[in-house]
Protein backbone atom coordinates (compact mmCIF):
# COMPACT_ATOMS: atom_id res chain seq x y z
CA MET A 1 -92.99 135.69 53.17
CA SER A 2 -90.24 137.54 55.03
CA MET A 3 -89.37 136.21 58.50
CA LYS A 4 -87.99 139.59 59.61
CA THR A 5 -91.12 141.70 59.30
CA LEU A 6 -92.45 141.55 62.87
CA PRO A 7 -89.94 143.90 64.60
CA LEU A 8 -90.57 146.70 62.10
CA VAL A 9 -94.34 146.25 62.46
CA PHE A 10 -94.17 146.66 66.24
CA ILE A 11 -91.81 149.64 66.10
CA ASN A 12 -93.90 151.50 63.54
CA LEU A 13 -97.30 150.67 65.00
CA GLY A 14 -96.01 151.35 68.51
CA GLY A 15 -94.71 154.71 67.36
CA GLU A 16 -98.08 155.57 65.79
CA MET A 17 -99.82 154.55 69.02
CA LEU A 18 -97.66 156.98 71.00
CA TYR A 19 -98.34 159.77 68.50
CA ILE A 20 -102.11 159.31 68.75
CA LEU A 21 -102.20 159.00 72.54
CA ASP A 22 -99.94 162.01 72.95
CA GLN A 23 -102.25 164.11 70.76
CA ARG A 24 -105.46 162.93 72.42
CA LEU A 25 -104.16 163.26 75.98
CA GLN A 26 -102.93 166.76 75.25
CA ALA A 27 -106.41 167.57 73.94
CA GLN A 28 -107.79 166.41 77.31
CA ASN A 29 -105.43 168.59 79.36
CA THR A 30 -107.98 171.42 79.43
CA SER A 31 -111.73 171.60 79.75
CA GLU A 32 -113.95 172.14 76.72
CA ASP A 33 -114.05 175.93 77.17
CA ASN A 34 -110.28 176.06 77.93
CA THR A 35 -110.96 177.82 81.25
CA GLU A 36 -109.57 175.13 83.51
CA LYS A 37 -107.49 172.00 83.52
CA GLY A 38 -109.03 168.76 82.34
CA VAL A 39 -108.93 165.39 84.06
CA TRP A 40 -105.56 164.46 82.55
CA SER A 41 -102.54 166.38 83.79
CA GLU A 42 -99.24 166.81 81.99
CA ASN A 43 -97.66 164.31 84.38
CA ASP A 44 -100.36 161.77 83.54
CA ARG A 45 -99.65 162.17 79.84
CA LYS A 46 -95.91 161.74 80.30
CA ARG A 47 -96.43 158.72 82.52
CA VAL A 48 -98.59 156.99 79.91
CA LEU A 49 -96.08 157.66 77.12
CA ASN A 50 -93.10 156.64 79.24
CA ASP A 51 -94.68 153.40 80.44
CA ILE A 52 -95.71 152.34 76.95
CA ALA A 53 -92.31 153.23 75.47
CA ARG A 54 -90.51 151.43 78.31
CA THR A 55 -92.44 148.25 77.60
CA LEU A 56 -92.20 148.47 73.82
CA PHE A 57 -88.43 148.99 73.81
CA SER A 58 -87.60 146.64 76.68
CA LYS A 59 -84.68 144.32 75.99
CA VAL A 60 -86.47 140.99 76.48
CA PHE A 61 -89.40 142.06 74.31
CA MET A 62 -87.20 143.24 71.45
CA ASP A 63 -84.89 140.22 71.68
CA GLU A 64 -87.91 137.96 71.23
CA LEU A 65 -89.29 140.05 68.36
CA LEU A 66 -85.97 139.96 66.51
CA LYS A 67 -86.03 136.16 66.27
CA PRO A 68 -86.94 135.06 62.72
CA GLN A 69 -90.68 134.35 62.70
CA GLN A 70 -93.80 134.83 60.64
CA LEU A 71 -95.91 137.94 60.86
CA TYR A 72 -98.83 137.57 63.28
CA SER A 73 -102.48 137.67 62.30
CA HIS A 74 -104.44 140.89 62.82
CA ARG A 75 -106.21 139.38 65.81
CA THR A 76 -103.01 138.36 67.55
CA LEU A 77 -101.27 141.62 66.73
CA LYS A 78 -104.18 143.68 68.07
CA THR A 79 -104.22 141.62 71.27
CA VAL A 80 -100.53 142.29 71.88
CA LEU A 81 -100.92 145.99 71.10
CA THR A 82 -103.89 146.14 73.49
CA ARG A 83 -101.69 144.91 76.31
CA LEU A 84 -99.05 147.40 75.23
CA ALA A 85 -101.58 150.24 75.48
CA HIS A 86 -102.50 148.98 78.96
CA ALA A 87 -98.91 149.04 80.19
CA SER A 88 -99.68 152.21 82.15
CA ILE A 89 -102.61 153.66 84.16
CA MET A 90 -104.66 153.91 80.97
CA ARG A 91 -107.38 151.43 80.02
CA LEU A 92 -109.14 151.24 76.64
CA ASN A 93 -112.49 149.61 76.12
CA PRO A 94 -112.75 147.23 73.12
CA ALA A 95 -114.35 149.85 70.85
CA SER A 96 -111.56 152.32 71.63
CA MET A 97 -108.88 149.75 70.88
CA ASP A 98 -110.56 148.80 67.60
CA ARG A 99 -110.52 152.44 66.51
CA LEU A 100 -106.96 152.99 67.69
CA TYR A 101 -105.75 149.84 65.92
CA GLU A 102 -107.44 150.83 62.65
CA LEU A 103 -105.86 154.27 62.77
CA MET A 104 -102.38 152.85 63.42
CA ILE A 105 -102.73 150.26 60.66
CA MET A 106 -104.02 152.69 58.03
CA THR A 107 -101.28 155.22 58.75
CA PHE A 108 -98.54 152.63 58.49
CA LYS A 109 -100.14 151.17 55.37
CA TYR A 110 -100.03 154.60 53.73
CA GLN A 111 -96.36 154.96 54.66
CA VAL A 112 -95.53 151.55 53.16
CA LEU A 113 -97.41 152.38 49.95
CA LEU A 114 -95.54 155.68 49.56
CA CYS A 115 -92.17 154.21 50.49
CA PRO A 116 -89.88 155.26 47.57
CA ARG A 117 -87.95 151.99 47.61
CA PRO A 118 -88.14 148.89 49.82
CA LYS A 119 -84.98 149.77 51.77
CA ASP A 120 -86.54 153.07 52.83
CA LEU A 121 -88.78 151.10 55.18
CA LEU A 122 -85.84 151.43 57.55
CA LEU A 123 -85.94 155.22 57.26
CA ILE A 124 -89.66 155.17 58.14
CA SER A 125 -88.86 153.03 61.18
CA TYR A 126 -85.98 155.32 62.15
CA ASN A 127 -88.29 158.34 61.94
CA HIS A 128 -90.61 156.62 64.42
CA ILE A 129 -87.71 155.76 66.71
CA ASP A 130 -86.30 159.30 66.55
CA THR A 131 -89.67 160.84 67.39
CA VAL A 132 -90.33 158.43 70.25
CA ARG A 133 -86.88 159.26 71.62
CA GLU A 134 -87.91 162.92 71.61
CA LEU A 135 -91.21 162.16 73.37
CA VAL A 136 -89.41 160.43 76.27
CA LYS A 137 -86.33 162.67 76.33
CA ASP A 138 -86.92 163.58 80.00
CA THR A 139 -86.44 159.94 81.07
CA PRO A 140 -82.81 158.91 80.38
CA VAL A 141 -83.41 155.23 81.14
CA ILE A 142 -86.03 154.95 78.41
CA VAL A 143 -83.93 157.02 76.01
CA ASN A 144 -81.16 154.46 76.47
CA GLN A 145 -83.61 151.62 75.83
CA VAL A 146 -84.74 153.26 72.59
CA ALA A 147 -81.14 153.83 71.50
CA GLU A 148 -80.20 150.20 72.23
CA THR A 149 -83.15 148.95 70.18
CA HIS A 150 -82.11 151.27 67.36
CA ARG A 151 -78.62 149.75 67.37
CA LYS A 152 -80.07 146.24 67.19
CA ILE A 153 -82.30 147.19 64.26
CA ILE A 154 -79.30 148.64 62.41
CA GLU A 155 -77.30 145.48 63.11
CA VAL A 156 -80.03 143.11 61.91
CA TYR A 157 -81.32 144.99 58.86
CA SER A 158 -78.35 146.90 57.45
CA SER A 159 -76.95 143.77 55.78
CA LEU A 160 -80.16 142.75 53.99
CA SER A 161 -80.11 142.70 50.20
CA GLU A 162 -82.49 144.67 47.97
CA GLY A 163 -84.36 141.45 47.27
CA GLU A 164 -84.87 140.77 50.98
CA PHE A 165 -86.21 144.29 51.50
CA GLN A 166 -88.58 143.79 48.57
CA LEU A 167 -89.84 140.55 50.14
CA LEU A 168 -90.29 142.38 53.45
CA ARG A 169 -92.33 145.12 51.76
CA GLN A 170 -94.42 142.55 49.88
CA THR A 171 -95.18 140.77 53.17
CA LEU A 172 -96.46 144.04 54.63
CA LEU A 173 -98.61 144.80 51.58
CA ILE A 174 -100.25 141.37 51.79
CA PHE A 175 -100.89 141.99 55.49
CA PHE A 176 -102.56 145.35 54.74
CA GLN A 177 -104.44 144.47 51.57
CA ASP A 178 -107.89 143.99 53.15
CA MET A 179 -107.74 147.11 55.35
CA HIS A 180 -109.74 150.00 53.86
CA VAL A 181 -110.75 152.10 56.86
CA ARG A 182 -111.43 155.78 56.17
CA VAL A 183 -109.34 158.25 58.17
CA SER A 184 -110.36 161.91 58.52
CA LEU A 185 -106.83 163.22 58.04
CA PHE A 186 -106.37 161.33 54.78
CA LEU A 187 -109.82 162.20 53.46
CA LYS A 188 -109.29 165.87 54.23
CA ASN A 189 -105.98 165.92 52.36
CA GLU A 190 -107.56 163.98 49.47
CA ILE A 191 -105.04 161.17 49.67
CA GLN A 192 -107.74 158.63 50.46
CA LYS A 193 -110.93 157.92 48.50
CA PRO A 194 -114.38 157.55 50.11
CA ASN A 195 -114.09 153.77 49.70
CA GLY A 196 -110.99 153.76 51.92
CA ARG A 197 -108.41 153.18 49.18
CA PHE A 198 -105.42 155.49 48.82
CA SER A 199 -104.75 157.75 45.84
CA LEU A 200 -101.08 157.50 44.90
CA SER A 201 -99.43 160.27 42.93
CA THR A 202 -97.66 159.57 39.63
CA SER A 203 -95.44 162.63 40.01
CA GLY A 204 -92.57 163.75 42.16
CA PRO A 205 -88.95 162.71 42.75
CA VAL A 206 -87.94 159.19 41.81
CA PRO A 207 -86.30 156.88 44.40
CA HIS A 208 -82.64 157.38 45.15
CA GLY A 209 -80.42 155.74 42.54
CA ILE A 210 -83.18 155.59 39.90
CA ASP A 211 -83.18 157.52 36.62
CA VAL A 212 -86.13 159.71 35.67
CA PRO A 213 -88.36 157.61 33.35
CA GLY A 214 -89.08 158.68 29.77
CA LEU A 215 -85.80 157.92 27.98
CA ILE A 216 -85.11 154.91 25.72
CA ARG A 217 -81.47 154.21 24.84
CA THR A 218 -80.40 151.80 22.12
CA PHE A 219 -77.06 149.95 22.15
CA ASP A 220 -75.20 147.91 19.59
CA ARG A 221 -73.62 144.51 20.16
CA LYS A 222 -70.45 146.12 21.46
CA GLY A 223 -72.33 148.04 24.15
CA ARG A 224 -72.06 151.44 22.45
CA GLU A 225 -75.06 153.77 22.59
CA VAL A 226 -76.35 154.28 19.07
CA GLY A 227 -79.65 156.08 19.59
CA ARG A 228 -82.07 157.70 21.98
CA GLY A 229 -85.82 158.06 22.08
CA GLU A 230 -88.50 159.24 24.48
CA PHE A 231 -91.86 157.93 25.62
CA PRO A 232 -94.70 159.54 27.66
CA THR A 233 -94.53 158.58 31.32
CA GLY A 234 -97.99 159.64 32.42
CA GLY A 235 -96.57 161.73 35.23
CA SER A 236 -94.24 164.58 36.09
CA TYR A 237 -91.09 163.06 37.58
CA SER A 238 -87.98 164.79 38.86
CA SER A 239 -84.53 163.66 39.90
CA SER A 240 -84.20 161.88 43.22
CA ILE A 241 -83.40 163.73 46.39
CA ARG A 242 -80.37 162.78 48.42
CA GLU A 243 -80.38 159.53 50.36
CA GLY A 244 -81.39 159.61 54.01
CA SER A 245 -79.10 158.62 56.85
CA PHE A 246 -79.29 154.99 58.01
CA GLU A 247 -77.11 155.69 61.05
CA LEU A 248 -78.13 156.07 64.69
CA HIS A 249 -78.56 159.81 64.19
CA GLY A 250 -78.87 161.89 61.06
CA ASP A 251 -81.21 163.42 58.52
CA ARG A 252 -83.63 160.75 57.30
CA VAL A 253 -84.69 163.09 54.42
CA ILE A 254 -88.08 161.42 53.88
CA ARG A 255 -90.89 162.55 56.19
CA LEU A 256 -92.84 159.30 56.27
CA GLY A 257 -93.04 158.04 59.84
CA LEU A 258 -93.03 161.46 61.51
CA ASN A 259 -95.83 162.60 63.82
CA VAL A 260 -98.62 164.01 61.63
CA TYR A 261 -101.10 164.72 64.44
CA THR A 262 -101.43 168.19 65.94
CA MET A 263 -103.34 169.77 68.77
CA ASN A 264 -104.89 172.22 66.31
CA ASP A 265 -107.03 169.56 64.65
CA PRO A 266 -108.11 166.73 66.95
CA GLU A 267 -110.43 165.41 64.24
CA GLU A 268 -107.35 164.06 62.50
CA THR A 269 -107.54 161.01 64.73
CA HIS A 270 -110.90 159.83 63.34
CA THR A 271 -111.76 156.63 61.55
CA SER A 272 -115.19 156.01 60.12
CA LYS A 273 -115.69 152.54 58.78
CA ALA A 274 -116.49 149.13 60.15
CA PRO A 275 -113.37 147.10 60.97
CA SER A 276 -111.99 145.58 57.80
CA VAL A 277 -110.69 142.56 59.67
CA LYS A 278 -113.63 140.39 60.61
CA SER A 279 -113.51 138.69 63.98
CA GLU A 280 -113.60 134.91 63.93
CA ASP A 281 -116.46 133.40 65.91
CA THR A 282 -115.27 129.81 65.62
CA PRO A 283 -112.93 128.49 68.33
CA ASN A 284 -109.29 128.69 67.40
CA LEU A 285 -107.15 125.86 68.71
CA LEU A 286 -104.06 128.02 68.26
CA ALA A 287 -105.39 130.70 70.64
CA LYS A 288 -103.09 129.61 73.45
CA GLU A 289 -99.99 129.67 71.25
CA GLU A 290 -100.90 133.06 69.82
CA LEU A 291 -101.94 134.65 73.12
CA ASN A 292 -99.42 133.29 75.62
CA LEU A 293 -97.38 136.34 74.68
CA LEU A 294 -99.68 138.38 76.87
CA ALA A 295 -99.34 136.31 80.00
CA TRP A 296 -95.85 137.45 80.92
CA LEU A 297 -94.91 140.57 78.97
CA MET A 298 -96.94 143.63 79.95
CA GLY A 299 -99.42 142.87 82.70
CA SER A 300 -98.95 142.14 86.35
CA VAL A 301 -95.90 144.21 87.23
CA GLN A 302 -97.42 147.46 86.07
CA VAL A 303 -100.66 146.76 87.92
CA GLU A 304 -98.96 145.68 91.12
CA ASN A 305 -96.78 148.78 91.14
CA MET A 306 -99.72 151.18 90.85
CA PRO A 307 -100.18 153.33 93.96
CA ARG A 308 -103.22 152.33 95.97
CA ALA A 309 -104.40 155.94 95.94
CA GLU A 310 -104.58 155.98 92.14
CA THR A 311 -107.69 157.81 91.02
CA GLY A 312 -109.77 156.75 88.06
CA PHE A 313 -111.28 158.88 85.34
CA TRP A 314 -113.04 158.68 81.99
CA ILE A 315 -112.18 160.74 78.93
CA ASN A 316 -113.23 160.72 75.27
CA LEU A 317 -110.40 159.36 73.15
CA PHE A 318 -112.10 160.14 69.84
CA SER A 319 -114.96 162.51 69.12
CA THR A 320 -117.52 161.85 66.42
CA ASP A 321 -117.69 163.67 63.11
CA GLN A 322 -120.03 163.84 60.15
CA GLU A 323 -118.32 160.93 58.40
CA GLU A 324 -119.44 158.59 61.14
CA GLU A 325 -123.07 159.54 60.49
CA GLU A 326 -122.89 157.80 57.08
CA LYS A 327 -124.21 154.41 58.15
CA GLU A 328 -125.83 151.77 56.03
CA GLY A 329 -129.60 151.47 56.49
CA ASP A 330 -129.61 147.80 57.43
CA THR A 331 -127.22 148.19 60.37
CA SER A 332 -128.72 147.49 63.78
CA ASP A 333 -128.70 150.15 66.52
CA GLY A 334 -126.37 148.13 68.73
CA ALA A 335 -123.89 147.58 65.93
CA GLU A 336 -124.00 151.27 65.02
CA GLU A 337 -123.25 152.28 68.58
CA SER A 338 -120.31 149.91 68.66
CA ARG A 339 -118.97 151.01 65.27
CA PHE A 340 -119.65 154.72 65.26
CA GLY A 341 -120.34 155.89 68.81
CA VAL A 342 -118.11 157.95 71.06
CA ILE A 343 -115.06 155.99 72.09
CA ASN A 344 -113.85 156.30 75.65
CA ILE A 345 -110.49 155.78 77.24
CA GLN A 346 -110.46 155.07 80.93
CA ALA A 347 -107.79 155.22 83.61
CA ILE A 348 -109.22 152.98 86.31
CA GLN A 349 -108.41 152.19 89.90
CA ASP A 350 -105.92 149.50 90.81
CA GLN A 351 -108.50 147.11 92.25
CA GLN A 352 -110.58 147.04 89.09
CA ALA A 353 -107.47 146.54 86.95
CA THR A 354 -106.47 143.62 89.15
CA ASN A 355 -109.90 142.04 88.77
CA GLU A 356 -109.76 142.41 85.00
CA LEU A 357 -106.32 140.85 84.92
CA ALA A 358 -107.56 137.94 87.00
CA GLN A 359 -110.33 137.35 84.48
CA ILE A 360 -107.80 137.33 81.64
CA VAL A 361 -105.66 134.79 83.48
CA GLY A 362 -108.77 132.67 83.98
CA GLN A 363 -109.49 132.78 80.27
CA PHE A 364 -105.93 131.67 79.52
CA ALA A 365 -106.39 128.75 81.92
CA GLU A 366 -109.54 127.66 80.08
CA GLN A 367 -107.80 127.89 76.75
CA GLU A 368 -104.96 125.71 77.99
CA LYS A 369 -107.45 122.87 78.53
CA GLN A 370 -108.22 122.81 74.81
CA PRO A 371 -106.35 120.34 72.57
CA GLU A 372 -103.11 121.84 71.44
CA ASP A 373 -101.67 121.74 67.96
CA PRO A 374 -98.00 120.82 68.40
CA SER A 375 -97.12 122.76 65.27
CA GLY A 376 -98.89 125.96 66.31
CA ASN A 377 -96.35 127.74 68.49
CA LYS A 378 -96.34 131.12 66.77
CA GLY A 379 -95.87 133.86 69.35
CA ASP A 380 -95.57 131.42 72.25
CA ASP A 381 -92.29 132.74 73.66
CA LEU A 382 -93.27 136.37 73.16
CA LEU A 383 -96.61 135.86 74.89
CA ALA A 384 -94.92 134.03 77.74
CA MET A 385 -92.83 137.00 78.72
CA MET A 386 -95.37 139.81 78.91
CA ASP A 387 -96.25 139.61 82.61
CA ASP A 388 -92.62 139.69 83.80
CA LEU A 389 -91.82 143.17 82.43
C-alpha cells in the first residue's frame, strides 16, 4: 500500500466537491420559473466556494496530509470531508453528505480507472487544481494558497518512479473496489452499467510512450530483428497523443479531472443506489484517533467569525429522478426516505451551528473516555488541527 495516496485523494475529492456545489448553488440562484432570484445569491455561492477552498488548501492542513501515512477508511474520510463542506455558512444533513460523498467517490473512481498510465494521476490532480484556481480567481489570497499547494505536490510526486505510481494507483483501486453507486451522468452517457460498474473502452489512443498493440517482433541471439507477425487486439487502438504538462501551468492534454457538471442539466448530480460502504454499528476503539482530525481543523473559527445577522435558508441540493424510484420491495419506508428522498442543504444561523458544534465536542469528550489503542494513531495530528483554521 502506498503511503503517499492521501494528499491526492483530498485534492481530487475536494475538487469534485467544489464542482458539485458550484453547479447546485448556481441552479438555486433563481426561482423554479426563472422569474426571480432564489434564496442563494451569487455572493453566497462565491463565499461557500472560497471558504471551502481556503480550508482545503491551507498550509497546515496540506503539510499534515503530505506526511507519509496510510489511506483513511471511508468512514474517516467522509467525516473529514463533511467538516470541509461545513467550513462555510453551508450545512448538509447526513443524507445530503452521503449522496455528495458517493458522487465524489464515483467520479474520482472513474477517472482512476480511465487513467492512461499511473503517472497521469498527477495530471488528473493538476486538472482539479487548475479548475479550483479558476473558481476562486477573484480572491488572490486563496489563489496563492492553491498555487503553493501545487508547488508542494510537484516537489513531492515528481521524483516518484513508475513502480511507485503503480502502487499508488493500486492503492486507490483497492479503496474504490466496493463502491458501485449509480450516477445519472454516467448512466446517460452509457459509461456505467445498471449494476453500478463502469464500462471501459478497448479502443482509443494508447498511453504516452507505449506502442500500439498488435505487432509481434522476433529477434535472434544477436538482437537483430528477423521476423514480424500480427495478432488481433480486440480493439481499435491508435498512437498516443502528446504528453501533458506536469509543470505549474500548461496543457494537461487529458480531460480527466475537469468539471463535467453544467447548469443545463442539473440531473447530472444524481446518485441512485444505497451506500456501498456499510456503516459499522459496533463501537470502534480507534474512533478518537481517526476523528481527532476534526477537532481543530475546520470548525470553531469559521463559526465564531459568522456575522450575528446571518440568515438561514433551506434549499434542495439534489432533486429526485426516475432512477431513484427503482427500490427493492423489501425496503422499509423509513430506509427508502433516507436512501432515495429529496436531499436538502441548509445554511443555518450562527446560534444553531454553535449548538451543533458543542454537541460534536461533547461526543469527542465521551470518546476520549474509551480505552485507547496505543497503536491506533492514524489521522490523529490531522484531526487535532481542524478547529484552529
